[in-house]
N, C-alpha and C. Protein backbone atom coordinates (compact mmCIF):
# COMPACT_ATOMS: atom_id res chain seq x y z
N MET A 1 -94.39 -72.30 64.35
CA MET A 1 -93.68 -72.61 63.13
C MET A 1 -92.19 -72.28 63.24
N GLN A 2 -91.86 -71.12 63.86
CA GLN A 2 -90.46 -70.73 63.98
C GLN A 2 -89.67 -71.73 64.80
N LYS A 3 -90.25 -72.15 65.95
CA LYS A 3 -89.55 -73.12 66.79
C LYS A 3 -89.32 -74.42 66.04
N ASP A 4 -90.32 -74.83 65.25
CA ASP A 4 -90.20 -76.07 64.49
C ASP A 4 -89.08 -75.97 63.46
N THR A 5 -88.99 -74.84 62.77
CA THR A 5 -87.95 -74.65 61.75
C THR A 5 -86.57 -74.63 62.41
N LYS A 6 -86.46 -73.92 63.50
CA LYS A 6 -85.18 -73.85 64.21
C LYS A 6 -84.77 -75.23 64.72
N LYS A 7 -85.73 -75.96 65.24
CA LYS A 7 -85.46 -77.32 65.73
C LYS A 7 -85.06 -78.23 64.57
N LEU A 8 -85.72 -78.07 63.41
CA LEU A 8 -85.40 -78.85 62.22
C LEU A 8 -83.96 -78.58 61.78
N ILE A 9 -83.57 -77.32 61.75
CA ILE A 9 -82.20 -76.96 61.36
C ILE A 9 -81.20 -77.61 62.32
N SER A 10 -81.47 -77.49 63.61
CA SER A 10 -80.58 -78.03 64.62
C SER A 10 -80.47 -79.55 64.53
N SER A 11 -81.60 -80.23 64.46
CA SER A 11 -81.57 -81.69 64.41
C SER A 11 -80.95 -82.20 63.11
N THR A 12 -81.18 -81.50 62.02
CA THR A 12 -80.58 -81.88 60.74
C THR A 12 -79.06 -81.73 60.81
N PHE A 13 -78.61 -80.63 61.41
CA PHE A 13 -77.18 -80.41 61.57
C PHE A 13 -76.54 -81.52 62.40
N VAL A 14 -77.20 -81.90 63.49
CA VAL A 14 -76.68 -82.98 64.34
C VAL A 14 -76.61 -84.29 63.56
N GLU A 15 -77.64 -84.57 62.75
CA GLU A 15 -77.61 -85.78 61.91
C GLU A 15 -76.44 -85.74 60.93
N LEU A 16 -76.25 -84.60 60.29
CA LEU A 16 -75.14 -84.46 59.35
C LEU A 16 -73.80 -84.62 60.07
N LEU A 17 -73.72 -84.05 61.25
CA LEU A 17 -72.48 -84.12 62.03
C LEU A 17 -72.20 -85.54 62.50
N SER A 18 -73.23 -86.34 62.62
CA SER A 18 -73.03 -87.74 62.99
C SER A 18 -72.50 -88.55 61.80
N ALA A 19 -72.62 -87.98 60.61
CA ALA A 19 -72.21 -88.70 59.40
C ALA A 19 -70.87 -88.23 58.82
N LYS A 20 -70.51 -86.96 59.07
CA LYS A 20 -69.26 -86.48 58.49
C LYS A 20 -68.65 -85.37 59.34
N PRO A 21 -67.34 -85.11 59.15
CA PRO A 21 -66.66 -84.09 59.96
C PRO A 21 -67.29 -82.71 59.82
N PHE A 22 -67.18 -81.95 60.87
CA PHE A 22 -67.74 -80.61 60.94
C PHE A 22 -67.33 -79.73 59.78
N ASP A 23 -66.05 -79.73 59.45
CA ASP A 23 -65.57 -78.83 58.41
C ASP A 23 -65.95 -79.26 57.00
N ARG A 24 -66.66 -80.36 56.89
CA ARG A 24 -67.17 -80.80 55.59
C ARG A 24 -68.68 -80.53 55.44
N ILE A 25 -69.27 -79.97 56.46
CA ILE A 25 -70.69 -79.64 56.41
C ILE A 25 -70.84 -78.18 56.01
N THR A 26 -71.67 -77.95 55.03
CA THR A 26 -71.90 -76.59 54.57
C THR A 26 -73.34 -76.17 54.89
N ILE A 27 -73.57 -74.90 54.82
CA ILE A 27 -74.93 -74.40 55.01
C ILE A 27 -75.83 -74.96 53.91
N LYS A 28 -75.29 -75.10 52.73
CA LYS A 28 -76.05 -75.70 51.63
C LYS A 28 -76.49 -77.12 51.99
N ASP A 29 -75.60 -77.90 52.58
CA ASP A 29 -75.97 -79.26 53.02
C ASP A 29 -77.15 -79.22 53.98
N ILE A 30 -77.09 -78.29 54.92
CA ILE A 30 -78.14 -78.18 55.95
C ILE A 30 -79.47 -77.77 55.32
N VAL A 31 -79.44 -76.70 54.51
CA VAL A 31 -80.71 -76.21 53.95
C VAL A 31 -81.30 -77.21 52.96
N ASP A 32 -80.46 -77.90 52.19
CA ASP A 32 -80.96 -78.92 51.27
C ASP A 32 -81.62 -80.06 52.04
N ALA A 33 -80.98 -80.50 53.10
CA ALA A 33 -81.54 -81.61 53.90
C ALA A 33 -82.83 -81.19 54.61
N CYS A 34 -82.93 -79.91 54.98
CA CYS A 34 -84.13 -79.41 55.66
C CYS A 34 -85.25 -79.06 54.68
N GLY A 35 -84.88 -78.81 53.44
CA GLY A 35 -85.88 -78.36 52.47
C GLY A 35 -86.28 -76.90 52.68
N ILE A 36 -85.31 -76.09 53.12
CA ILE A 36 -85.55 -74.66 53.34
C ILE A 36 -84.57 -73.88 52.48
N ASN A 37 -84.72 -72.56 52.43
CA ASN A 37 -83.76 -71.76 51.68
C ASN A 37 -82.71 -71.16 52.61
N ARG A 38 -81.66 -70.65 52.03
CA ARG A 38 -80.55 -70.09 52.81
C ARG A 38 -81.00 -68.93 53.70
N ASN A 39 -81.91 -68.11 53.18
CA ASN A 39 -82.39 -66.98 53.97
C ASN A 39 -83.04 -67.44 55.27
N THR A 40 -83.73 -68.56 55.22
CA THR A 40 -84.35 -69.10 56.44
C THR A 40 -83.28 -69.48 57.43
N PHE A 41 -82.23 -70.14 56.95
CA PHE A 41 -81.11 -70.48 57.84
C PHE A 41 -80.55 -69.21 58.48
N TYR A 42 -80.28 -68.20 57.67
CA TYR A 42 -79.68 -66.96 58.17
C TYR A 42 -80.62 -66.14 59.04
N TYR A 43 -81.90 -66.43 58.97
CA TYR A 43 -82.85 -65.78 59.87
C TYR A 43 -82.57 -66.22 61.31
N TYR A 44 -82.18 -67.47 61.48
CA TYR A 44 -81.96 -68.03 62.81
C TYR A 44 -80.49 -68.00 63.25
N TYR A 45 -79.58 -68.17 62.31
CA TYR A 45 -78.16 -68.30 62.66
C TYR A 45 -77.30 -67.44 61.74
N SER A 46 -76.26 -66.85 62.31
CA SER A 46 -75.37 -66.02 61.49
C SER A 46 -74.42 -66.88 60.66
N ASP A 47 -74.08 -68.06 61.17
CA ASP A 47 -73.23 -68.99 60.44
C ASP A 47 -73.31 -70.36 61.11
N ILE A 48 -72.55 -71.29 60.62
CA ILE A 48 -72.59 -72.66 61.14
C ILE A 48 -72.03 -72.74 62.57
N TYR A 49 -71.09 -71.84 62.89
CA TYR A 49 -70.52 -71.81 64.24
C TYR A 49 -71.58 -71.33 65.25
N ASP A 50 -72.39 -70.41 64.85
CA ASP A 50 -73.48 -69.92 65.69
C ASP A 50 -74.45 -71.08 66.01
N LEU A 51 -74.75 -71.88 65.01
CA LEU A 51 -75.61 -73.05 65.20
C LEU A 51 -74.96 -74.05 66.16
N LEU A 52 -73.69 -74.33 65.95
CA LEU A 52 -72.97 -75.26 66.82
C LEU A 52 -72.94 -74.77 68.26
N GLU A 53 -72.69 -73.47 68.43
CA GLU A 53 -72.64 -72.91 69.78
C GLU A 53 -74.00 -73.00 70.47
N GLU A 54 -75.07 -72.77 69.73
CA GLU A 54 -76.39 -72.89 70.34
C GLU A 54 -76.66 -74.32 70.81
N ILE A 55 -76.24 -75.28 70.04
CA ILE A 55 -76.42 -76.69 70.44
C ILE A 55 -75.62 -76.97 71.71
N PHE A 56 -74.36 -76.51 71.75
CA PHE A 56 -73.53 -76.70 72.95
C PHE A 56 -74.19 -76.04 74.16
N LYS A 57 -74.66 -74.79 73.99
CA LYS A 57 -75.28 -74.06 75.10
C LYS A 57 -76.50 -74.79 75.62
N LYS A 58 -77.34 -75.26 74.72
CA LYS A 58 -78.56 -75.98 75.11
C LYS A 58 -78.20 -77.21 75.95
N GLU A 59 -77.26 -78.00 75.47
CA GLU A 59 -76.85 -79.20 76.20
C GLU A 59 -76.26 -78.83 77.56
N LEU A 60 -75.39 -77.83 77.58
CA LEU A 60 -74.73 -77.43 78.82
C LEU A 60 -75.74 -76.87 79.82
N ASN A 61 -76.67 -76.05 79.37
CA ASN A 61 -77.68 -75.49 80.27
C ASN A 61 -78.54 -76.58 80.90
N GLU A 62 -78.88 -77.59 80.14
CA GLU A 62 -79.67 -78.69 80.69
C GLU A 62 -78.87 -79.45 81.74
N ILE A 63 -77.57 -79.59 81.50
CA ILE A 63 -76.72 -80.36 82.41
C ILE A 63 -76.48 -79.62 83.71
N VAL A 64 -76.18 -78.32 83.65
CA VAL A 64 -75.81 -77.59 84.87
C VAL A 64 -77.01 -77.04 85.62
N ALA A 65 -78.21 -77.29 85.13
CA ALA A 65 -79.40 -76.77 85.80
C ALA A 65 -79.66 -77.46 87.14
N GLY A 66 -78.89 -78.48 87.47
CA GLY A 66 -79.13 -79.27 88.66
C GLY A 66 -78.86 -78.59 89.99
N GLY A 67 -78.05 -77.57 90.04
CA GLY A 67 -77.78 -76.91 91.31
C GLY A 67 -76.33 -76.47 91.39
N ASN A 68 -75.96 -75.95 92.57
CA ASN A 68 -74.59 -75.44 92.68
C ASN A 68 -73.86 -75.96 93.90
N ASN A 69 -74.13 -77.20 94.29
CA ASN A 69 -73.31 -77.80 95.33
C ASN A 69 -72.38 -78.82 94.69
N THR A 70 -71.41 -79.30 95.45
CA THR A 70 -70.40 -80.19 94.88
C THR A 70 -71.02 -81.44 94.28
N ALA A 71 -71.99 -82.02 94.97
CA ALA A 71 -72.65 -83.23 94.45
C ALA A 71 -73.32 -82.93 93.11
N ALA A 72 -73.94 -81.76 92.99
CA ALA A 72 -74.60 -81.39 91.74
C ALA A 72 -73.58 -81.22 90.62
N TYR A 73 -72.40 -80.66 90.93
CA TYR A 73 -71.37 -80.51 89.91
C TYR A 73 -70.85 -81.86 89.45
N VAL A 74 -70.64 -82.76 90.39
CA VAL A 74 -70.17 -84.09 90.04
C VAL A 74 -71.22 -84.80 89.19
N GLU A 75 -72.47 -84.68 89.59
CA GLU A 75 -73.56 -85.25 88.80
C GLU A 75 -73.58 -84.61 87.41
N GLY A 76 -73.38 -83.31 87.35
CA GLY A 76 -73.32 -82.61 86.07
C GLY A 76 -72.16 -83.10 85.22
N LEU A 77 -71.02 -83.33 85.85
CA LEU A 77 -69.85 -83.84 85.13
C LEU A 77 -70.15 -85.22 84.54
N ILE A 78 -70.78 -86.06 85.31
CA ILE A 78 -71.15 -87.39 84.82
C ILE A 78 -72.13 -87.26 83.65
N LYS A 79 -73.08 -86.32 83.76
CA LYS A 79 -74.02 -86.10 82.66
C LYS A 79 -73.30 -85.62 81.40
N VAL A 80 -72.34 -84.70 81.57
CA VAL A 80 -71.58 -84.21 80.42
C VAL A 80 -70.87 -85.38 79.74
N ALA A 81 -70.21 -86.20 80.54
CA ALA A 81 -69.48 -87.34 79.98
C ALA A 81 -70.44 -88.30 79.28
N ASN A 82 -71.60 -88.55 79.89
CA ASN A 82 -72.57 -89.46 79.27
C ASN A 82 -73.16 -88.89 77.98
N VAL A 83 -73.46 -87.58 77.98
CA VAL A 83 -73.98 -86.95 76.76
C VAL A 83 -72.93 -87.03 75.65
N ALA A 84 -71.69 -86.71 75.98
CA ALA A 84 -70.62 -86.78 74.98
C ALA A 84 -70.48 -88.21 74.46
N TYR A 85 -70.50 -89.16 75.38
CA TYR A 85 -70.34 -90.57 75.00
C TYR A 85 -71.49 -91.05 74.12
N SER A 86 -72.70 -90.59 74.42
CA SER A 86 -73.86 -90.99 73.61
C SER A 86 -73.83 -90.35 72.23
N HIS A 87 -73.03 -89.30 72.06
CA HIS A 87 -72.85 -88.65 70.76
C HIS A 87 -71.41 -88.86 70.28
N LYS A 88 -70.90 -90.04 70.55
CA LYS A 88 -69.50 -90.35 70.26
C LYS A 88 -69.14 -90.07 68.79
N LYS A 89 -69.96 -90.50 67.88
CA LYS A 89 -69.69 -90.31 66.45
C LYS A 89 -69.64 -88.81 66.12
N LEU A 90 -70.58 -88.06 66.67
CA LEU A 90 -70.63 -86.62 66.46
C LEU A 90 -69.36 -85.95 67.00
N ILE A 91 -68.98 -86.30 68.22
CA ILE A 91 -67.76 -85.73 68.84
C ILE A 91 -66.53 -86.13 68.02
N ASN A 92 -66.48 -87.39 67.58
CA ASN A 92 -65.34 -87.82 66.76
C ASN A 92 -65.26 -87.01 65.48
N ASN A 93 -66.41 -86.70 64.88
CA ASN A 93 -66.40 -85.91 63.64
C ASN A 93 -65.98 -84.47 63.90
N ILE A 94 -66.30 -83.93 65.05
CA ILE A 94 -65.81 -82.59 65.39
C ILE A 94 -64.30 -82.65 65.64
N CYS A 95 -63.86 -83.68 66.38
CA CYS A 95 -62.44 -83.82 66.69
C CYS A 95 -61.58 -84.04 65.45
N SER A 96 -62.14 -84.72 64.46
CA SER A 96 -61.36 -84.99 63.25
C SER A 96 -61.39 -83.83 62.25
N SER A 97 -62.08 -82.76 62.62
CA SER A 97 -62.14 -81.61 61.72
C SER A 97 -61.12 -80.56 62.15
N ARG A 98 -60.87 -79.65 61.25
CA ARG A 98 -59.97 -78.54 61.58
C ARG A 98 -60.62 -77.59 62.58
N SER A 99 -61.89 -77.75 62.81
CA SER A 99 -62.63 -76.85 63.70
C SER A 99 -62.69 -77.33 65.14
N TYR A 100 -61.91 -78.35 65.47
CA TYR A 100 -61.93 -78.86 66.85
C TYR A 100 -61.56 -77.78 67.85
N GLU A 101 -60.68 -76.90 67.44
CA GLU A 101 -60.26 -75.81 68.33
C GLU A 101 -61.48 -74.99 68.80
N TYR A 102 -62.47 -74.85 67.92
CA TYR A 102 -63.68 -74.12 68.28
C TYR A 102 -64.39 -74.81 69.45
N LEU A 103 -64.52 -76.13 69.38
CA LEU A 103 -65.16 -76.89 70.47
C LEU A 103 -64.35 -76.73 71.75
N GLU A 104 -63.06 -76.87 71.64
CA GLU A 104 -62.21 -76.76 72.82
C GLU A 104 -62.32 -75.36 73.45
N ASN A 105 -62.29 -74.33 72.63
CA ASN A 105 -62.45 -72.97 73.14
C ASN A 105 -63.81 -72.79 73.81
N TYR A 106 -64.84 -73.37 73.21
CA TYR A 106 -66.17 -73.28 73.81
C TYR A 106 -66.19 -73.99 75.17
N LEU A 107 -65.53 -75.14 75.26
CA LEU A 107 -65.47 -75.85 76.54
C LEU A 107 -64.81 -74.99 77.62
N TYR A 108 -63.71 -74.34 77.25
CA TYR A 108 -63.03 -73.47 78.21
C TYR A 108 -63.94 -72.33 78.65
N LYS A 109 -64.56 -71.68 77.68
CA LYS A 109 -65.44 -70.54 77.98
C LYS A 109 -66.61 -70.97 78.87
N SER A 110 -67.15 -72.14 78.62
CA SER A 110 -68.30 -72.62 79.38
C SER A 110 -67.90 -73.12 80.77
N CYS A 111 -66.72 -73.68 80.85
CA CYS A 111 -66.28 -74.28 82.12
C CYS A 111 -65.89 -73.21 83.15
N LYS A 112 -65.38 -72.08 82.68
CA LYS A 112 -64.86 -71.06 83.60
C LYS A 112 -65.88 -70.64 84.67
N PRO A 113 -67.11 -70.21 84.29
CA PRO A 113 -68.04 -69.81 85.35
C PRO A 113 -68.44 -70.96 86.27
N ILE A 114 -68.46 -72.16 85.73
CA ILE A 114 -68.80 -73.32 86.55
C ILE A 114 -67.71 -73.56 87.58
N MET A 115 -66.44 -73.50 87.15
CA MET A 115 -65.34 -73.72 88.09
C MET A 115 -65.24 -72.59 89.11
N ILE A 116 -65.52 -71.35 88.70
CA ILE A 116 -65.54 -70.24 89.67
C ILE A 116 -66.60 -70.54 90.72
N ASP A 117 -67.74 -71.02 90.30
CA ASP A 117 -68.83 -71.39 91.21
C ASP A 117 -68.40 -72.50 92.17
N VAL A 118 -67.78 -73.55 91.63
CA VAL A 118 -67.33 -74.69 92.44
C VAL A 118 -66.35 -74.20 93.50
N VAL A 119 -65.35 -73.43 93.07
CA VAL A 119 -64.30 -72.97 94.00
C VAL A 119 -64.88 -71.97 95.00
N SER A 120 -65.74 -71.07 94.56
CA SER A 120 -66.35 -70.10 95.47
C SER A 120 -67.18 -70.80 96.54
N ASN A 121 -67.94 -71.80 96.13
CA ASN A 121 -68.73 -72.55 97.12
C ASN A 121 -67.83 -73.29 98.09
N ALA A 122 -66.75 -73.86 97.61
CA ALA A 122 -65.81 -74.57 98.49
C ALA A 122 -65.09 -73.61 99.43
N ALA A 123 -64.98 -72.33 99.05
CA ALA A 123 -64.26 -71.33 99.86
C ALA A 123 -65.14 -70.70 100.94
N LYS A 124 -66.42 -71.01 100.94
CA LYS A 124 -67.30 -70.41 101.95
C LYS A 124 -66.79 -70.72 103.36
N GLY A 125 -66.71 -69.67 104.16
CA GLY A 125 -66.23 -69.81 105.53
C GLY A 125 -64.72 -69.67 105.65
N LEU A 126 -64.03 -69.54 104.54
CA LEU A 126 -62.59 -69.37 104.57
C LEU A 126 -62.24 -67.96 104.09
N ASP A 127 -61.19 -67.39 104.65
CA ASP A 127 -60.74 -66.07 104.21
C ASP A 127 -59.75 -66.25 103.06
N VAL A 128 -60.31 -66.29 101.84
CA VAL A 128 -59.51 -66.53 100.64
C VAL A 128 -59.68 -65.33 99.71
N PRO A 129 -58.58 -64.74 99.27
CA PRO A 129 -58.69 -63.60 98.34
C PRO A 129 -59.33 -64.04 97.00
N ASP A 130 -60.06 -63.12 96.40
CA ASP A 130 -60.70 -63.40 95.12
C ASP A 130 -59.70 -63.85 94.06
N GLU A 131 -58.51 -63.25 94.08
CA GLU A 131 -57.51 -63.62 93.07
C GLU A 131 -57.08 -65.08 93.22
N ASP A 132 -57.05 -65.61 94.45
CA ASP A 132 -56.72 -67.03 94.65
C ASP A 132 -57.87 -67.91 94.19
N ILE A 133 -59.10 -67.47 94.44
CA ILE A 133 -60.27 -68.23 93.97
C ILE A 133 -60.22 -68.32 92.44
N GLU A 134 -59.95 -67.21 91.79
CA GLU A 134 -59.89 -67.20 90.32
C GLU A 134 -58.73 -68.06 89.80
N PHE A 135 -57.58 -68.00 90.48
CA PHE A 135 -56.44 -68.81 90.04
C PHE A 135 -56.73 -70.30 90.19
N ILE A 136 -57.24 -70.69 91.34
CA ILE A 136 -57.56 -72.11 91.57
C ILE A 136 -58.61 -72.58 90.57
N ALA A 137 -59.62 -71.75 90.34
CA ALA A 137 -60.65 -72.11 89.35
C ALA A 137 -60.04 -72.27 87.97
N SER A 138 -59.16 -71.36 87.58
CA SER A 138 -58.51 -71.45 86.27
C SER A 138 -57.65 -72.71 86.17
N PHE A 139 -56.92 -73.01 87.22
CA PHE A 139 -56.07 -74.20 87.23
C PHE A 139 -56.91 -75.46 86.98
N TYR A 140 -58.00 -75.59 87.72
CA TYR A 140 -58.85 -76.77 87.57
C TYR A 140 -59.63 -76.75 86.25
N GLU A 141 -59.98 -75.59 85.79
CA GLU A 141 -60.64 -75.47 84.47
C GLU A 141 -59.74 -76.06 83.39
N TYR A 142 -58.47 -75.63 83.38
CA TYR A 142 -57.54 -76.12 82.37
C TYR A 142 -57.25 -77.61 82.55
N ALA A 143 -57.14 -78.06 83.78
CA ALA A 143 -56.90 -79.48 84.02
C ALA A 143 -58.08 -80.32 83.53
N TRP A 144 -59.28 -79.94 83.91
CA TRP A 144 -60.47 -80.71 83.53
C TRP A 144 -60.67 -80.72 82.03
N ILE A 145 -60.58 -79.55 81.40
CA ILE A 145 -60.80 -79.49 79.95
C ILE A 145 -59.69 -80.25 79.23
N GLY A 146 -58.48 -80.19 79.76
CA GLY A 146 -57.39 -80.96 79.16
C GLY A 146 -57.68 -82.45 79.18
N VAL A 147 -58.16 -82.95 80.30
CA VAL A 147 -58.50 -84.38 80.42
C VAL A 147 -59.66 -84.73 79.48
N ILE A 148 -60.69 -83.90 79.48
CA ILE A 148 -61.85 -84.16 78.64
C ILE A 148 -61.47 -84.08 77.15
N SER A 149 -60.66 -83.10 76.78
CA SER A 149 -60.22 -82.96 75.40
C SER A 149 -59.43 -84.17 74.95
N GLU A 150 -58.54 -84.64 75.80
CA GLU A 150 -57.75 -85.83 75.47
C GLU A 150 -58.66 -87.05 75.33
N TRP A 151 -59.65 -87.15 76.19
CA TRP A 151 -60.63 -88.24 76.11
C TRP A 151 -61.37 -88.18 74.77
N PHE A 152 -61.78 -86.97 74.39
CA PHE A 152 -62.44 -86.79 73.09
C PHE A 152 -61.51 -87.21 71.95
N ARG A 153 -60.29 -86.68 71.97
CA ARG A 153 -59.35 -86.90 70.87
C ARG A 153 -58.95 -88.36 70.72
N THR A 154 -58.96 -89.10 71.81
CA THR A 154 -58.56 -90.51 71.74
C THR A 154 -59.75 -91.44 71.53
N GLY A 155 -60.88 -90.90 71.14
CA GLY A 155 -62.02 -91.72 70.77
C GLY A 155 -62.90 -92.18 71.93
N MET A 156 -62.75 -91.55 73.09
CA MET A 156 -63.59 -91.87 74.26
C MET A 156 -63.60 -93.37 74.55
N ARG A 157 -62.42 -93.95 74.65
CA ARG A 157 -62.32 -95.40 74.90
C ARG A 157 -62.75 -95.78 76.31
N GLU A 158 -62.47 -94.92 77.28
CA GLU A 158 -62.88 -95.21 78.66
C GLU A 158 -64.35 -94.86 78.83
N PRO A 159 -65.04 -95.61 79.66
CA PRO A 159 -66.46 -95.27 79.91
C PRO A 159 -66.58 -93.93 80.65
N PRO A 160 -67.69 -93.23 80.44
CA PRO A 160 -67.88 -91.91 81.07
C PRO A 160 -67.72 -91.93 82.59
N ALA A 161 -68.21 -92.97 83.24
CA ALA A 161 -68.12 -93.03 84.70
C ALA A 161 -66.67 -93.05 85.16
N LYS A 162 -65.81 -93.68 84.39
CA LYS A 162 -64.39 -93.73 84.76
C LYS A 162 -63.76 -92.35 84.67
N ILE A 163 -64.02 -91.62 83.59
CA ILE A 163 -63.47 -90.28 83.41
C ILE A 163 -64.01 -89.36 84.51
N ALA A 164 -65.31 -89.40 84.75
CA ALA A 164 -65.91 -88.57 85.79
C ALA A 164 -65.32 -88.92 87.16
N GLY A 165 -65.14 -90.19 87.41
CA GLY A 165 -64.55 -90.63 88.68
C GLY A 165 -63.12 -90.14 88.86
N GLN A 166 -62.35 -90.19 87.78
CA GLN A 166 -60.97 -89.71 87.87
C GLN A 166 -60.93 -88.21 88.10
N LEU A 167 -61.81 -87.47 87.45
CA LEU A 167 -61.86 -86.03 87.68
C LEU A 167 -62.33 -85.73 89.11
N TRP A 168 -63.21 -86.53 89.63
CA TRP A 168 -63.69 -86.35 90.99
C TRP A 168 -62.56 -86.55 91.99
N LEU A 169 -61.59 -87.41 91.66
CA LEU A 169 -60.46 -87.66 92.57
C LEU A 169 -59.71 -86.39 92.92
N VAL A 170 -59.63 -85.47 92.00
CA VAL A 170 -58.84 -84.25 92.25
C VAL A 170 -59.65 -83.13 92.89
N MET A 171 -60.94 -83.34 93.08
CA MET A 171 -61.78 -82.29 93.69
C MET A 171 -61.29 -81.90 95.08
N ASP A 172 -60.78 -82.85 95.84
CA ASP A 172 -60.31 -82.53 97.19
C ASP A 172 -59.13 -81.56 97.14
N GLY A 173 -58.41 -81.55 96.03
CA GLY A 173 -57.30 -80.62 95.87
C GLY A 173 -57.76 -79.17 95.89
N ILE A 174 -58.98 -78.92 95.45
CA ILE A 174 -59.53 -77.55 95.49
C ILE A 174 -59.62 -77.09 96.94
N ARG A 175 -60.19 -77.91 97.77
CA ARG A 175 -60.36 -77.56 99.19
C ARG A 175 -59.00 -77.36 99.87
N ARG A 176 -58.04 -78.25 99.55
CA ARG A 176 -56.70 -78.11 100.14
C ARG A 176 -56.04 -76.81 99.71
N ALA A 177 -56.16 -76.45 98.45
CA ALA A 177 -55.57 -75.20 97.95
C ALA A 177 -56.22 -74.00 98.63
N LEU A 178 -57.52 -74.07 98.84
CA LEU A 178 -58.22 -72.97 99.51
C LEU A 178 -57.78 -72.84 100.97
N ARG A 179 -57.59 -73.97 101.64
CA ARG A 179 -57.12 -73.93 103.04
C ARG A 179 -55.71 -73.33 103.12
N LYS A 180 -54.86 -73.68 102.15
CA LYS A 180 -53.51 -73.10 102.12
C LYS A 180 -53.58 -71.59 101.90
N SER A 181 -54.47 -71.17 101.02
CA SER A 181 -54.63 -69.74 100.76
C SER A 181 -55.11 -69.02 102.03
N ALA A 182 -56.08 -69.61 102.71
CA ALA A 182 -56.61 -69.01 103.94
C ALA A 182 -55.52 -68.94 105.01
N LYS A 183 -54.71 -69.98 105.10
CA LYS A 183 -53.62 -70.00 106.08
C LYS A 183 -52.61 -68.90 105.75
N ARG A 184 -52.28 -68.75 104.48
CA ARG A 184 -51.35 -67.69 104.06
C ARG A 184 -51.93 -66.32 104.40
N GLN A 185 -53.23 -66.14 104.17
CA GLN A 185 -53.89 -64.87 104.49
C GLN A 185 -53.79 -64.57 105.99
N ALA A 186 -54.02 -65.61 106.79
CA ALA A 186 -53.94 -65.42 108.26
C ALA A 186 -52.52 -65.04 108.68
N GLU A 187 -51.51 -65.68 108.06
CA GLU A 187 -50.13 -65.38 108.40
C GLU A 187 -49.77 -63.94 107.97
N LEU A 188 -50.28 -63.51 106.85
CA LEU A 188 -49.99 -62.16 106.36
C LEU A 188 -50.62 -61.09 107.24
N SER A 189 -51.75 -61.42 107.85
CA SER A 189 -52.43 -60.41 108.66
C SER A 189 -51.95 -60.40 110.11
N GLU A 190 -51.06 -61.28 110.46
CA GLU A 190 -50.53 -61.30 111.84
C GLU A 190 -49.51 -60.22 112.07
C-alpha cells in the first residue's frame, strides 16, 4: 500500500507538471488530485522539492546504472537527452518557473560524481594529480550542464542525438588534458 501511495503521489505530480509550471503546483493540488490528505503527503515527502528531487534521482539512477566506461557514459548521456526530450512539456514547465534554478543545481550536483568517474577512468595509467582530475571533471561538468541547460531553456529544438553527439565531440579533450597534466607531472619530477 505504501509503495502504491508514493507512486500515486509521484505520478500525479508528473501529470500536474506536464500541465503547468512547477511554481504553480501546490501540495494541495497534488493531494486533491490523489484523493489523499496532506498528512499522507508529508509522511513521504518533506515538501514539493523533496518530491521533485526523488523523481530526478530515480531517473538518473536508472540512466547511469549501465556501467562506468566511456561508452556507457555516452549511452547514459543519450538516455538522459532522450528522457528529457520525451518529457519536453514537463521540462518546459520547470524551465518557465522561478524554480528552474533548483533543477539546474540538481543537475550540477548529480553530474559531479559522474564526471569525476569519467575523468578518473580516462586517467588510468597516467600520473595525474587528484587536483587536476577534479579540475578537469569540474570544467567538463560546467560545460556539459551549461549546454544541457541552454538546450532545456530554448525548448529542446535539436533532437537528443544531436546534443549527445555534440557533447561527445569534446570527450577527447578530457584525455588530452589528462596527458598534458601527466606530462607536466613528469617534467616537475625530473
